[in-house]
Protein backbone atom coordinates (compact mmCIF):
# COMPACT_ATOMS: atom_id res chain seq x y z
CA MET A 1 105.22 45.40 57.92
CA VAL A 2 104.10 41.93 59.09
CA THR A 3 106.77 39.29 58.48
CA ILE A 4 106.67 35.51 58.78
CA ASN A 5 109.57 33.20 59.48
CA TRP A 6 108.68 30.94 56.56
CA GLU A 7 111.60 28.57 57.22
CA ARG A 8 110.14 27.51 60.57
CA GLU A 9 106.57 26.89 59.40
CA SER A 10 105.19 23.58 58.14
CA GLY A 11 104.15 23.09 54.55
CA ASP A 12 100.52 22.47 55.55
CA ARG A 13 100.40 25.69 57.60
CA ILE A 14 101.88 27.74 54.74
CA GLU A 15 99.52 26.16 52.25
CA GLU A 16 96.50 26.87 54.48
CA PHE A 17 97.56 30.49 54.97
CA VAL A 18 98.21 31.18 51.26
CA ALA A 19 94.95 29.51 50.28
CA ALA A 20 92.94 31.48 52.86
CA ALA A 21 94.61 34.81 51.99
CA LEU A 22 94.15 34.42 48.23
CA VAL A 23 90.58 33.14 48.40
CA MET A 24 89.45 35.72 50.97
CA ARG A 25 91.03 38.51 48.89
CA HIS A 26 89.64 37.12 45.61
CA GLY A 27 86.14 36.69 47.06
CA ALA A 28 85.70 33.22 45.55
CA GLY A 29 87.58 30.01 45.04
CA CYS A 30 88.62 27.06 47.15
CA ARG A 31 91.50 25.14 48.61
CA VAL A 32 91.86 21.74 46.94
CA THR A 33 92.08 18.88 49.45
CA PRO A 34 91.90 15.68 47.40
CA SER A 35 92.17 12.15 48.66
CA ARG A 36 94.71 11.14 46.00
CA GLY A 37 97.01 13.86 44.70
CA ASP A 38 95.98 17.45 44.16
CA GLY A 39 96.22 17.55 40.38
CA GLY A 40 98.87 20.25 40.62
CA MET A 41 96.40 22.49 42.40
CA ASP A 42 96.42 23.74 45.98
CA VAL A 43 94.13 26.72 45.29
CA LYS A 44 91.57 27.30 42.50
CA LEU A 45 90.35 30.85 41.82
CA PRO A 46 87.69 31.62 39.18
CA LEU A 47 88.45 34.35 36.62
CA ALA A 48 86.07 36.73 34.86
CA ASN A 49 86.53 34.96 31.50
CA GLY A 50 85.24 31.67 32.90
CA ARG A 51 88.67 30.10 33.23
CA TRP A 52 90.72 29.33 36.34
CA TRP A 53 93.78 30.63 38.13
CA VAL A 54 95.51 27.72 39.83
CA VAL A 55 98.13 28.13 42.57
CA GLN A 56 100.53 25.40 43.69
CA VAL A 57 102.10 26.14 47.10
CA LYS A 58 105.49 24.78 48.17
CA ARG A 59 107.30 25.64 51.43
CA TYR A 60 110.71 25.85 49.74
CA SER A 61 112.50 28.87 51.25
CA GLY A 62 115.85 28.64 49.41
CA PRO A 63 117.36 27.72 46.04
CA LEU A 64 115.71 24.60 44.68
CA THR A 65 117.38 21.25 45.07
CA SER A 66 117.08 18.65 42.33
CA ARG A 67 114.55 16.79 44.45
CA GLN A 68 112.41 19.92 44.92
CA GLU A 69 112.70 20.66 41.20
CA THR A 70 111.38 17.19 40.44
CA SER A 71 108.51 17.67 42.88
CA ILE A 72 107.42 20.91 41.14
CA GLU A 73 107.65 19.30 37.70
CA LYS A 74 105.59 16.38 38.98
CA SER A 75 102.90 18.75 40.32
CA TYR A 76 102.77 20.58 37.00
CA GLY A 77 102.53 17.28 35.14
CA ALA A 78 99.58 16.34 37.33
CA LEU A 79 97.91 19.60 36.30
CA LEU A 80 98.33 18.80 32.58
CA ALA A 81 96.87 15.35 33.21
CA GLU A 82 93.91 16.94 35.01
CA ILE A 83 93.36 19.31 32.08
CA ALA A 84 93.44 16.40 29.61
CA ARG A 85 91.10 14.30 31.76
CA THR A 86 88.48 16.89 32.69
CA GLY A 87 88.86 19.69 30.14
CA LEU A 88 89.56 22.16 32.96
CA GLU A 89 90.39 25.53 31.38
CA VAL A 90 93.35 26.90 33.34
CA GLU A 91 94.32 30.42 32.28
CA ARG A 92 97.13 30.85 34.83
CA TRP A 93 99.28 28.54 36.92
CA THR A 94 101.27 30.10 39.75
CA LEU A 95 104.00 28.50 41.80
CA ALA A 96 104.05 30.06 45.30
CA THR A 97 107.17 29.63 47.45
CA PRO A 98 108.78 31.79 50.17
CA TRP A 99 111.85 32.18 47.96
CA ASP A 100 112.36 34.73 45.19
CA PRO A 101 113.49 32.90 42.05
CA THR A 102 116.53 33.83 39.97
CA ARG A 103 116.20 34.80 36.33
CA GLU A 104 117.35 31.29 35.40
CA ARG A 105 114.62 29.69 37.50
CA LEU A 106 111.96 31.92 35.93
CA GLY A 107 113.17 30.79 32.52
CA TRP A 108 113.04 27.18 33.68
CA LEU A 109 109.40 27.64 34.79
CA GLU A 110 108.42 29.42 31.58
CA GLY A 111 109.81 26.48 29.59
CA PHE A 112 107.23 24.05 30.97
CA ASP A 113 105.10 22.35 28.31
CA ARG A 114 101.54 23.50 27.64
CA SER A 115 98.46 21.42 26.85
CA PRO A 116 97.47 20.90 23.18
CA ASP A 117 95.12 23.88 23.64
CA GLY A 118 97.98 26.08 24.87
CA LEU A 119 96.92 26.01 28.50
CA PRO A 120 97.90 27.29 30.96
CA ALA A 121 98.35 30.51 29.00
CA THR A 122 100.44 32.07 31.78
CA LEU A 123 103.01 30.58 34.14
CA ASP A 124 104.39 32.74 36.95
CA TRP A 125 106.10 32.60 40.33
CA MET A 126 104.83 34.10 43.59
CA GLY A 127 108.02 34.50 45.63
CA ARG A 128 108.91 35.62 49.13
CA VAL A 129 108.38 39.35 48.48
CA SER A 130 104.90 38.66 47.12
CA LEU A 131 104.01 36.38 50.03
CA ASP A 132 105.28 38.96 52.53
CA GLY A 133 103.06 41.53 50.83
CA LEU A 134 100.12 39.14 51.05
CA ALA A 135 100.82 38.71 54.77
CA ALA A 136 100.97 42.48 55.29
CA ASP A 137 97.49 42.77 53.78
CA CYS A 138 96.09 40.03 56.06
CA PRO A 139 97.38 40.65 59.60
CA GLN A 140 94.44 38.76 61.13
CA LEU A 141 95.27 35.65 59.13
CA VAL A 142 98.95 35.92 60.06
CA ASP A 143 98.10 36.24 63.74
CA TYR A 144 95.68 33.34 63.53
CA TYR A 145 97.91 30.90 61.61
CA PHE A 146 101.37 31.88 62.84
CA GLY A 147 100.82 33.82 66.08
CA ASP A 148 98.79 33.18 69.20
CA GLY A 149 95.51 34.44 67.80
CA ALA A 150 93.75 31.09 68.14
CA GLU A 151 94.75 30.75 71.81
CA ARG A 152 93.75 34.33 72.67
CA LEU A 153 90.43 33.82 70.89
CA THR A 154 89.72 30.75 73.01
CA SER A 155 90.41 32.70 76.21
CA LEU A 156 88.18 35.57 75.17
CA MET A 157 85.38 33.17 74.27
CA ALA A 158 85.50 31.57 77.70
CA LEU A 159 85.16 35.04 79.22
CA ALA A 160 82.27 35.92 76.91
CA LEU A 161 80.27 32.87 77.91
CA LYS A 162 80.81 33.59 81.59
CA SER A 163 77.81 35.78 82.27
CA SER A 164 78.71 36.44 85.93
CA ILE A 165 81.30 39.13 85.08
CA THR A 166 81.72 41.66 87.89
CA LEU A 167 80.11 44.94 86.85
CA SER A 168 79.93 48.35 88.42
CA GLY A 169 76.75 50.42 88.66
CA SER A 170 74.15 51.59 91.12
CA GLY A 171 70.91 50.61 89.40
CA PRO A 172 69.38 48.14 86.94
CA GLU A 173 69.81 50.46 83.95
CA GLN A 174 73.45 51.20 84.81
CA LEU A 175 74.21 47.51 85.32
CA LEU A 176 72.58 46.58 82.03
CA GLU A 177 74.50 49.30 80.19
CA ALA A 178 77.77 48.15 81.76
CA ALA A 179 77.04 44.52 80.85
CA MET A 180 76.26 45.36 77.21
CA GLU A 181 79.38 47.55 76.94
CA ARG A 182 81.51 44.72 78.33
CA MET A 183 80.06 42.16 75.94
CA ASN A 184 80.43 44.45 72.94
CA ASP A 185 84.09 45.01 73.83
CA LEU A 186 84.59 41.25 73.98
CA ALA A 187 82.91 40.75 70.60
CA LYS A 188 85.09 43.43 68.98
CA ALA A 189 88.23 41.91 70.49
CA MET A 190 87.35 38.48 69.12
CA GLU A 191 86.60 39.87 65.66
CA GLU A 192 90.03 41.52 65.56
CA ILE A 193 91.61 38.10 66.12
CA ASP A 194 89.37 35.73 64.12
CA PRO A 195 89.53 36.33 60.35
CA PHE A 196 86.69 33.95 59.56
CA TYR A 197 83.81 34.63 61.97
CA ARG A 198 82.06 37.57 63.60
CA TYR A 199 80.86 37.23 67.19
CA GLU A 200 77.60 38.81 68.36
CA ILE A 201 77.06 38.72 72.12
CA SER A 202 73.85 40.00 73.68
CA ALA A 203 71.94 39.77 76.93
CA ILE A 204 68.44 38.29 76.64
CA ASP A 205 65.58 37.82 79.08
CA ALA A 206 65.82 34.03 79.11
CA ILE A 207 66.95 31.10 76.99
CA PRO A 208 64.19 30.63 74.39
CA ASP A 209 62.17 27.45 74.21
CA HIS A 210 62.60 25.04 71.33
CA SER A 211 59.87 26.56 69.14
CA LYS A 212 61.69 29.92 69.12
CA LEU A 213 65.28 28.74 68.71
CA ALA A 214 65.36 28.97 64.91
CA GLU A 215 64.44 32.68 65.06
CA HIS A 216 67.82 33.39 66.66
CA GLY A 217 69.82 31.57 63.99
CA GLU A 218 69.27 33.60 60.82
CA GLY A 219 72.61 34.19 59.11
CA ALA A 220 74.59 32.47 61.87
CA ALA A 221 76.70 29.33 61.60
CA MET A 222 75.94 28.54 65.23
CA VAL A 223 74.11 30.05 68.21
CA ARG A 224 74.80 29.28 71.86
CA PHE A 225 72.93 30.29 74.99
CA GLY A 226 74.29 30.41 78.51
CA THR A 227 73.03 31.30 81.98
CA GLY A 228 75.22 32.39 84.86
CA PRO A 229 74.71 31.86 88.60
CA ASP A 230 72.89 35.19 88.79
CA GLY A 231 70.30 34.02 86.25
CA ARG A 232 71.37 36.35 83.44
CA ALA A 233 71.03 34.78 79.99
CA VAL A 234 73.60 35.43 77.27
CA ARG A 235 73.25 34.69 73.56
CA LEU A 236 76.35 34.14 71.39
CA ARG A 237 75.90 34.17 67.61
CA ILE A 238 78.84 32.99 65.49
CA VAL A 239 78.37 34.56 62.05
CA PRO A 240 80.56 33.71 59.00
CA MET A 241 82.49 36.70 57.68
CA SER A 242 81.98 35.32 54.15
CA ASP A 243 80.70 32.26 52.30
CA LEU A 244 84.26 30.94 52.41
CA SER A 245 84.53 30.86 56.21
CA ALA A 246 83.05 27.37 56.45
CA HIS A 247 85.53 26.16 53.83
CA PHE A 248 88.63 27.24 55.75
CA ARG A 249 87.27 26.77 59.23
CA PRO A 250 84.32 24.38 59.21
CA ILE A 251 82.20 23.61 62.25
CA ARG A 252 81.88 19.85 62.75
CA HIS A 253 80.35 17.79 65.54
CA LYS A 254 80.45 14.04 66.01
CA VAL A 255 77.60 12.94 68.27
CA ARG A 256 76.13 9.73 69.58
CA LEU A 257 72.33 9.87 69.66
CA HIS A 258 70.22 8.06 72.27
CA ALA A 259 66.54 7.07 71.99
CA ALA A 260 64.46 4.52 73.86
CA PRO A 261 63.01 1.67 71.73
CA GLY A 262 59.52 2.47 70.53
CA SER A 263 59.76 6.13 71.55
CA GLY A 264 58.94 9.15 69.43
CA GLU A 265 62.64 10.03 69.44
CA GLU A 266 63.48 6.65 67.90
CA ALA A 267 60.85 7.16 65.20
CA ALA A 268 62.24 10.63 64.46
CA LEU A 269 65.79 9.26 64.16
CA ARG A 270 64.67 6.46 61.84
CA ASP A 271 62.85 9.01 59.72
CA PHE A 272 66.02 11.14 59.62
CA ALA A 273 68.14 8.14 58.62
CA ALA A 274 65.74 7.17 55.82
CA THR A 275 64.70 10.58 54.46
CA GLY A 276 66.85 13.27 56.10
CA LYS A 277 63.90 14.86 57.90
CA PRO A 278 65.21 17.06 60.76
CA PHE A 279 64.56 16.00 64.33
CA ALA A 280 64.23 17.95 67.57
CA ASN A 281 65.21 17.51 71.21
CA VAL A 282 66.94 14.13 70.96
CA ARG A 283 69.39 13.18 73.71
CA ALA A 284 72.94 13.29 72.38
CA GLU A 285 76.49 12.79 73.60
CA VAL A 286 79.09 14.97 71.87
CA VAL A 287 82.05 12.72 71.06
CA LYS A 288 84.15 15.20 69.06
CA SER A 289 83.74 18.87 68.19
CA VAL A 290 85.82 21.01 65.81
CA GLY A 291 85.42 24.69 64.99
CA PRO A 292 86.05 28.21 66.25
CA PRO A 293 85.88 28.89 70.00
CA GLY A 294 82.29 28.90 71.14
CA ALA A 295 81.25 26.46 68.42
CA THR A 296 82.78 23.43 70.07
CA LEU A 297 80.65 21.39 72.44
CA GLY A 298 81.11 18.55 74.88
CA GLY A 299 79.19 16.23 77.16
CA GLN A 300 75.46 15.49 77.20
CA SER A 301 72.92 17.72 75.49
CA LEU A 302 69.64 17.84 73.61
CA LEU A 303 70.20 18.03 69.87
CA SER A 304 67.88 19.60 67.29
CA LEU A 305 68.58 19.71 63.58
CA TYR A 306 67.45 22.67 61.47
CA VAL A 307 67.64 22.95 57.68
CA GLU A 308 67.91 26.38 56.07
CA GLU A 309 66.00 27.53 53.00
CA HIS A 310 67.41 26.59 49.61
CA ASP A 311 67.65 29.27 46.93
CA HIS A 312 68.71 26.83 44.21
CA LEU A 313 65.36 25.03 44.08
CA PRO A 314 63.00 26.19 41.30
CA PRO A 315 59.87 28.18 42.23
CA MET A 316 57.20 25.58 42.90
CA GLU A 317 53.44 25.38 43.23
CA LEU A 318 50.92 22.92 44.61
CA VAL A 319 48.39 22.03 41.92
CA LEU A 320 44.90 20.57 42.31
CA LEU A 321 43.40 18.49 39.49
CA ASP A 322 39.81 17.31 39.23
CA ASP A 323 38.86 13.74 38.37
CA ASP A 324 39.23 14.56 34.67
CA GLU A 325 42.83 15.73 35.29
CA VAL A 326 41.85 19.35 34.61
CA GLU A 327 43.62 21.96 36.73
CA VAL A 328 41.28 23.49 39.29
CA ALA A 329 43.62 25.58 41.46
CA ALA A 330 47.30 26.28 42.06
CA LEU A 331 49.10 27.61 45.15
CA LYS A 332 52.61 29.09 44.92
CA LEU A 333 55.09 27.67 47.42
CA GLU A 334 58.07 29.45 48.98
CA GLN A 335 60.66 28.98 51.71
CA ALA A 336 61.65 25.52 50.49
CA ARG A 337 63.98 23.50 52.70
CA GLY A 338 65.44 20.13 51.82
CA ASN A 339 67.84 17.51 53.10
CA LEU A 340 69.32 14.23 51.88
CA SER A 341 69.30 11.14 54.04
CA PRO A 342 72.62 10.22 55.67
CA ALA A 343 72.00 6.59 54.70
CA GLY A 344 70.73 5.52 51.30
CA ASN A 345 69.35 7.80 48.60
CA GLY A 346 66.29 9.22 50.34
CA PHE A 347 65.36 12.87 50.67
CA TRP A 348 63.06 15.20 52.58
CA MET A 349 61.66 18.55 51.49
CA ALA A 350 59.34 21.00 53.23
CA THR A 351 57.83 24.18 51.89
CA SER A 352 54.86 26.45 52.48
CA ASP A 353 52.84 29.23 50.91
CA ILE A 354 53.97 32.83 51.39
CA ALA A 355 51.57 33.31 54.32
CA GLY A 356 52.68 30.13 56.08
CA ALA A 357 49.08 28.90 56.13
CA VAL A 358 49.78 25.68 54.23
CA ASP A 359 52.71 23.36 54.99
CA VAL A 360 53.81 20.85 52.36
CA GLU A 361 56.16 17.95 53.08
CA LEU A 362 57.70 15.43 50.68
CA LYS A 363 59.44 12.31 51.96
CA HIS A 364 61.24 9.64 49.95
CA PRO A 365 62.90 6.75 51.84
CA GLY A 366 64.95 5.84 48.78
CA GLU A 367 65.32 2.63 46.84
CA ALA A 368 62.03 1.57 45.21
CA ARG A 369 59.72 3.01 47.86
CA GLU A 370 57.19 5.68 46.93
CA ILE A 371 57.37 9.40 47.60
CA THR A 372 54.76 10.52 50.11
CA LEU A 373 53.11 13.94 50.18
CA GLY A 374 51.77 15.57 53.32
CA VAL A 375 49.72 18.79 53.17
CA THR A 376 48.69 20.57 56.37
CA PHE A 377 46.26 23.50 56.40
CA ASN A 378 46.98 25.58 59.48
CA ARG A 379 44.47 27.87 61.20
CA PRO A 380 46.12 31.31 61.21
CA ALA A 381 44.90 34.20 63.35
CA ASP A 382 45.59 37.94 63.45
CA VAL A 383 46.94 38.03 59.90
CA PRO A 384 45.81 40.28 57.00
CA VAL A 385 43.25 38.35 55.00
CA ALA A 386 44.75 39.74 51.78
CA SER A 387 47.71 37.39 52.32
CA LEU A 388 45.32 34.42 52.53
CA VAL A 389 43.46 34.94 49.25
CA PRO A 390 45.34 32.19 47.31
CA VAL A 391 44.97 29.75 50.22
CA VAL A 392 41.24 30.43 50.56
CA LYS A 393 40.67 29.74 46.87
CA PHE A 394 42.75 26.57 47.01
CA ALA A 395 41.09 25.28 50.20
CA ASN A 396 37.58 25.87 48.90
CA ALA A 397 38.45 23.97 45.74
CA LEU A 398 40.05 21.12 47.70
CA ALA A 399 36.90 20.84 49.81
CA GLU A 400 35.37 19.20 46.72
CA GLY A 401 38.27 16.73 46.49
CA GLY A 402 40.87 16.11 43.81
CA TRP A 403 44.41 15.03 42.94
CA LEU A 404 47.53 16.90 44.08
CA LEU A 405 50.89 17.33 42.39
CA ILE A 406 53.89 19.64 42.73
CA ARG A 407 55.35 21.34 39.68
CA ALA A 408 57.75 24.10 38.79
CA VAL A 409 55.82 27.36 38.40
CA ALA A 410 54.42 27.42 34.86
CA GLY A 411 56.50 24.32 34.18
CA ARG A 412 56.42 20.55 34.25
CA PRO A 413 55.29 18.41 37.21
CA LEU A 414 58.08 17.52 39.63
CA VAL A 415 56.21 14.84 41.59
CA GLY A 416 52.68 13.44 41.52
CA PRO A 417 49.82 13.31 41.07
CA PHE A 418 49.21 11.54 44.35
CA GLY A 419 46.07 9.73 45.52
CA ARG A 420 42.73 11.53 45.63
CA VAL A 421 42.36 13.72 48.70
CA CYS A 422 39.71 15.95 50.25
CA LEU A 423 39.77 18.44 53.11
CA ASP A 424 38.31 17.16 56.35
CA PRO A 425 34.98 18.83 57.25
CA SER A 426 36.40 20.86 60.16
CA THR A 427 39.24 22.34 58.09
CA ALA A 428 36.93 22.98 55.16
CA LYS A 429 34.53 24.89 57.44
CA PHE A 430 37.38 27.03 58.82
CA TRP A 431 38.46 28.15 55.35
CA GLU A 432 34.83 28.66 54.31
CA PHE A 433 34.53 31.16 57.16
CA ALA A 434 37.91 32.69 56.27
CA ASP A 435 36.49 33.33 52.80
CA LEU A 436 33.86 35.63 54.36
CA TYR A 437 36.59 37.89 55.76
CA VAL A 438 38.37 37.91 52.40
CA ARG A 439 35.16 39.02 50.72
CA LEU A 440 34.64 41.67 53.41
CA GLN A 441 38.07 43.14 52.52
CA ALA A 442 36.72 44.01 49.04
CA HIS A 443 34.31 46.54 50.62
CA THR A 444 36.68 48.56 52.81
CA PHE A 445 39.93 50.47 52.59
CA ASP A 446 40.84 49.33 56.11
CA VAL A 447 42.96 46.22 56.61
CA VAL A 448 40.82 43.25 57.56
CA ARG A 449 42.68 40.84 59.82
CA LEU A 450 41.45 37.31 60.34
CA PRO A 451 40.57 36.93 64.03
CA ASP A 452 40.99 33.78 66.07
CA LEU A 453 37.87 32.04 64.81
CA SER A 454 37.68 29.89 67.94
CA THR A 455 36.68 33.08 69.81
CA VAL A 456 33.93 34.12 67.36
CA SER A 457 30.42 32.93 68.24
CA PRO A 458 28.26 31.02 65.72
CA ASP A 459 25.67 33.84 65.82
CA ASP A 460 28.33 36.40 64.89
CA LEU A 461 29.49 34.23 61.99
CA VAL A 462 25.91 34.00 60.70
CA ARG A 463 25.59 37.78 60.95
CA LEU A 464 28.88 38.17 59.06
CA GLN A 465 27.66 35.76 56.39
CA PHE A 466 24.43 37.72 55.78
CA THR A 467 26.28 41.05 55.79
CA VAL A 468 28.95 39.93 53.31
CA ARG A 469 26.37 38.42 50.98
CA ALA A 470 24.44 41.68 51.02
CA LEU A 471 27.61 43.69 50.36
CA ASP A 472 28.33 41.39 47.42
CA GLY A 473 24.86 42.21 46.00
CA ASP A 474 23.44 38.76 46.68
CA ALA A 475 20.31 39.88 48.67
CA PRO A 476 20.24 36.97 51.13
CA GLU A 477 16.80 35.94 52.40
CA GLY A 478 15.56 34.94 55.81
CA ILE A 479 12.38 34.39 57.81
CA TRP A 480 10.91 36.82 60.30
CA ALA A 481 8.13 36.71 62.91
CA THR A 482 7.37 40.13 64.44
CA GLN A 483 8.80 43.64 64.48
CA VAL A 484 7.92 45.76 67.53
CA MET A 485 9.20 49.33 67.31
CA GLN A 486 8.68 52.99 68.04
CA ALA A 487 7.79 54.63 64.72
CA ASN A 488 5.99 57.98 64.94
CA GLY A 489 4.49 59.94 62.07
CA ILE A 490 3.94 56.94 59.77
CA ASP A 491 0.53 56.39 58.15
CA TRP A 492 0.35 52.59 58.27
CA PRO A 493 -1.76 50.97 55.51
CA ALA A 494 -4.74 48.85 56.44
CA GLY A 495 -3.73 45.83 54.36
CA ASP A 496 -0.51 44.09 53.39
CA PHE A 497 2.47 46.19 52.41
CA GLU A 498 6.24 45.89 51.91
CA GLY A 499 8.24 47.48 54.71
CA ARG A 500 11.83 48.60 54.41
CA LEU A 501 14.00 49.20 57.45
CA LEU A 502 17.47 50.81 57.37
CA ARG A 503 20.11 49.44 59.73
CA GLU A 504 23.68 50.50 60.43
CA ILE A 505 26.35 47.83 60.05
CA THR A 506 27.48 47.88 63.64
CA MET A 507 31.05 47.16 64.61
CA PRO A 508 32.82 45.07 65.72
CA LEU A 509 31.50 42.52 63.27
CA ALA A 510 32.56 38.93 64.01
CA GLY A 511 35.85 40.05 65.50
CA VAL A 512 36.76 42.87 63.08
CA ASP A 513 36.19 46.62 63.17
CA VAL A 514 36.38 48.40 59.82
CA ALA A 515 34.67 51.30 58.04
CA LEU A 516 32.29 50.19 55.27
CA HIS A 517 30.35 53.38 54.32
CA LYS A 518 27.31 51.20 53.68
CA MET A 519 23.93 50.60 55.33
CA LEU A 520 21.78 47.52 55.26
CA GLN A 521 18.14 47.65 54.21
CA GLN A 522 15.88 44.89 55.45
CA ARG A 523 12.96 44.34 53.13
CA PHE A 524 9.94 42.63 54.70
CA HIS A 525 8.16 41.41 51.58
CA SER A 526 4.69 41.18 53.10
CA CYS A 527 3.68 42.59 56.46
CA ARG A 528 0.69 44.12 58.23
CA VAL A 529 -0.05 45.96 61.48
CA ASP A 530 -1.35 43.76 64.32
CA PRO A 531 -4.01 45.97 66.00
CA ASN A 532 -4.48 43.51 68.87
CA ALA A 533 -0.83 43.29 69.92
CA VAL A 534 0.05 44.28 73.48
CA LEU A 535 2.85 46.82 73.05
CA PRO A 536 5.64 47.26 75.56
CA ALA A 537 6.36 50.70 76.97
CA GLY A 538 7.72 53.08 74.35
CA ALA A 539 6.63 50.98 71.35
CA THR A 540 4.02 52.36 68.93
CA VAL A 541 3.43 49.51 66.49
CA CYS A 542 3.79 45.73 66.03
CA LEU A 543 4.22 44.33 62.52
CA VAL A 544 3.57 40.69 61.65
CA PRO A 545 4.00 38.76 58.38
CA GLY A 546 1.25 39.00 55.79
CA GLU A 547 1.01 36.45 52.98
CA SER A 548 4.77 35.78 53.24
CA ASN A 549 7.15 35.66 56.18
CA THR A 550 10.32 36.13 54.07
CA MET A 551 12.64 39.08 54.21
CA SER A 552 15.77 39.99 52.24
CA MET A 553 18.83 42.09 53.03
CA HIS A 554 20.34 44.70 50.69
CA ALA A 555 23.42 46.92 50.97
CA LEU A 556 23.02 50.60 50.08
CA ASN A 557 25.63 53.31 49.69
CA PHE A 558 25.42 55.72 52.59
CA GLU A 559 23.73 59.02 51.69
CA ASP A 560 22.65 62.12 53.61
CA GLY A 561 19.35 61.61 55.41
CA MET A 562 19.90 57.93 56.05
CA GLU A 563 19.69 56.94 59.70
CA ASP A 564 19.39 53.78 61.69
CA GLY A 565 15.78 52.66 62.20
CA LEU A 566 14.33 54.64 59.25
CA TRP A 567 11.17 52.96 57.85
CA THR A 568 9.70 53.31 54.41
CA ILE A 569 6.53 51.69 53.07
CA GLU A 570 5.48 50.40 49.67
CA SER A 571 1.84 49.38 49.42
CA GLU A 572 0.97 46.21 47.52
């Protein structure tokens, strides 16, 4: 059984250990660290009935002196004052000391006054036997707070970040396997010592550039990258064991930021100071660093600030109103991130649609200054067009102009409306073309993915436009000049006639390749045979427009007997 020499430990160390052990076991709660008195509370633990279990920790390891007795009574009196002041509903108040009370002392504790509402309902004593049992259940915490766990953890961390560990093996695969085994052993050893954080160590190809850094941070309190003399890159992720890890062992850095006057870095820092907007790659000097081994930094570095998504913000949507304040379109927003300014009462919030095609940013510098809204329509590529349907509808509506606001989904406006806005012509044209691919999706069971439109030629986009309109039943019209072909066995009329020509919808079509099970029929509304035309080799007839040079395109369901190049004639 793990034992602690309570008499030799400081009151702060005992209080920290009891708070950590109780809160980690309970799964919720906090250690109270007030600036003026603790209100008779060192630890607060929520109970199922909505009330609280409060623990007051004292380091007294022997029979109470009159002075210690007075101190306990004073702490309990502070609790009653806190209950009267705030209405805190305390179900249970526990005095924790590394001394088992006598029957007389238990009676003394039970005789404490209650609040007018009869709270706390229960008063009890957590003595030495109970604290020893708590220690036996939490050997990691005991080792960390009272043993040499913290020092051993620091040593192991230094070894983990040293990527030039001597390994044995005869080939690349054997060396890689040995390296991973070594790093996994280090991670497990650190986890056995640290009760608050889990350590994930992995070998990676190279340290990622700035745009990819956030992808490595999901779920982690901190991520570090290192490179040894041999060029091997190592990634260390420090992951909280629970939501309470940051409470008992927070990671804090005090830095001094540097930016040249008039530079983009200075503008980013001013924006951060006013609104809380994160910045990236700003020169920084780490003045002080506190946290678990591996989380502490020192010296010069480049600092980037990331803000995680907030799950406490209401579901929001971007709403477009016309000039009569009638709703035209709405776009649901997800992945909201927000931050308060370190100076003043400003704030920053960023969010986007589920496809990440539209980025929305709100900035408020505080005081009496206005909130500004920024909306950016990106140009996605290689994404399923089904995910872009809401964005396409919204963009096409915004191409006509209107007023934007942000509101809770199916609720009241949160901010706005802002000034009248309209998509710029280039962006509007992009989403007009994207709409063609969305409409194409309605005619196939295959997944249509939006290609990189910068690689699609204008002629291919025109062909896509005609094809989609025909598939939609729109019968688009065009102008034609001549049709020279090989068509045997057809009795061509002498005058004007309507000619119909079947064509396969060839793939790829404007960057996509899907099955449509349709054919296109070109209808030449008025045509005649040109008997004087000089025909190229292999051709048997040349058709020219009659009274009209218009043609239309129609989509037909594929049936047996249909083939590319099949002509039919309807005489006028």
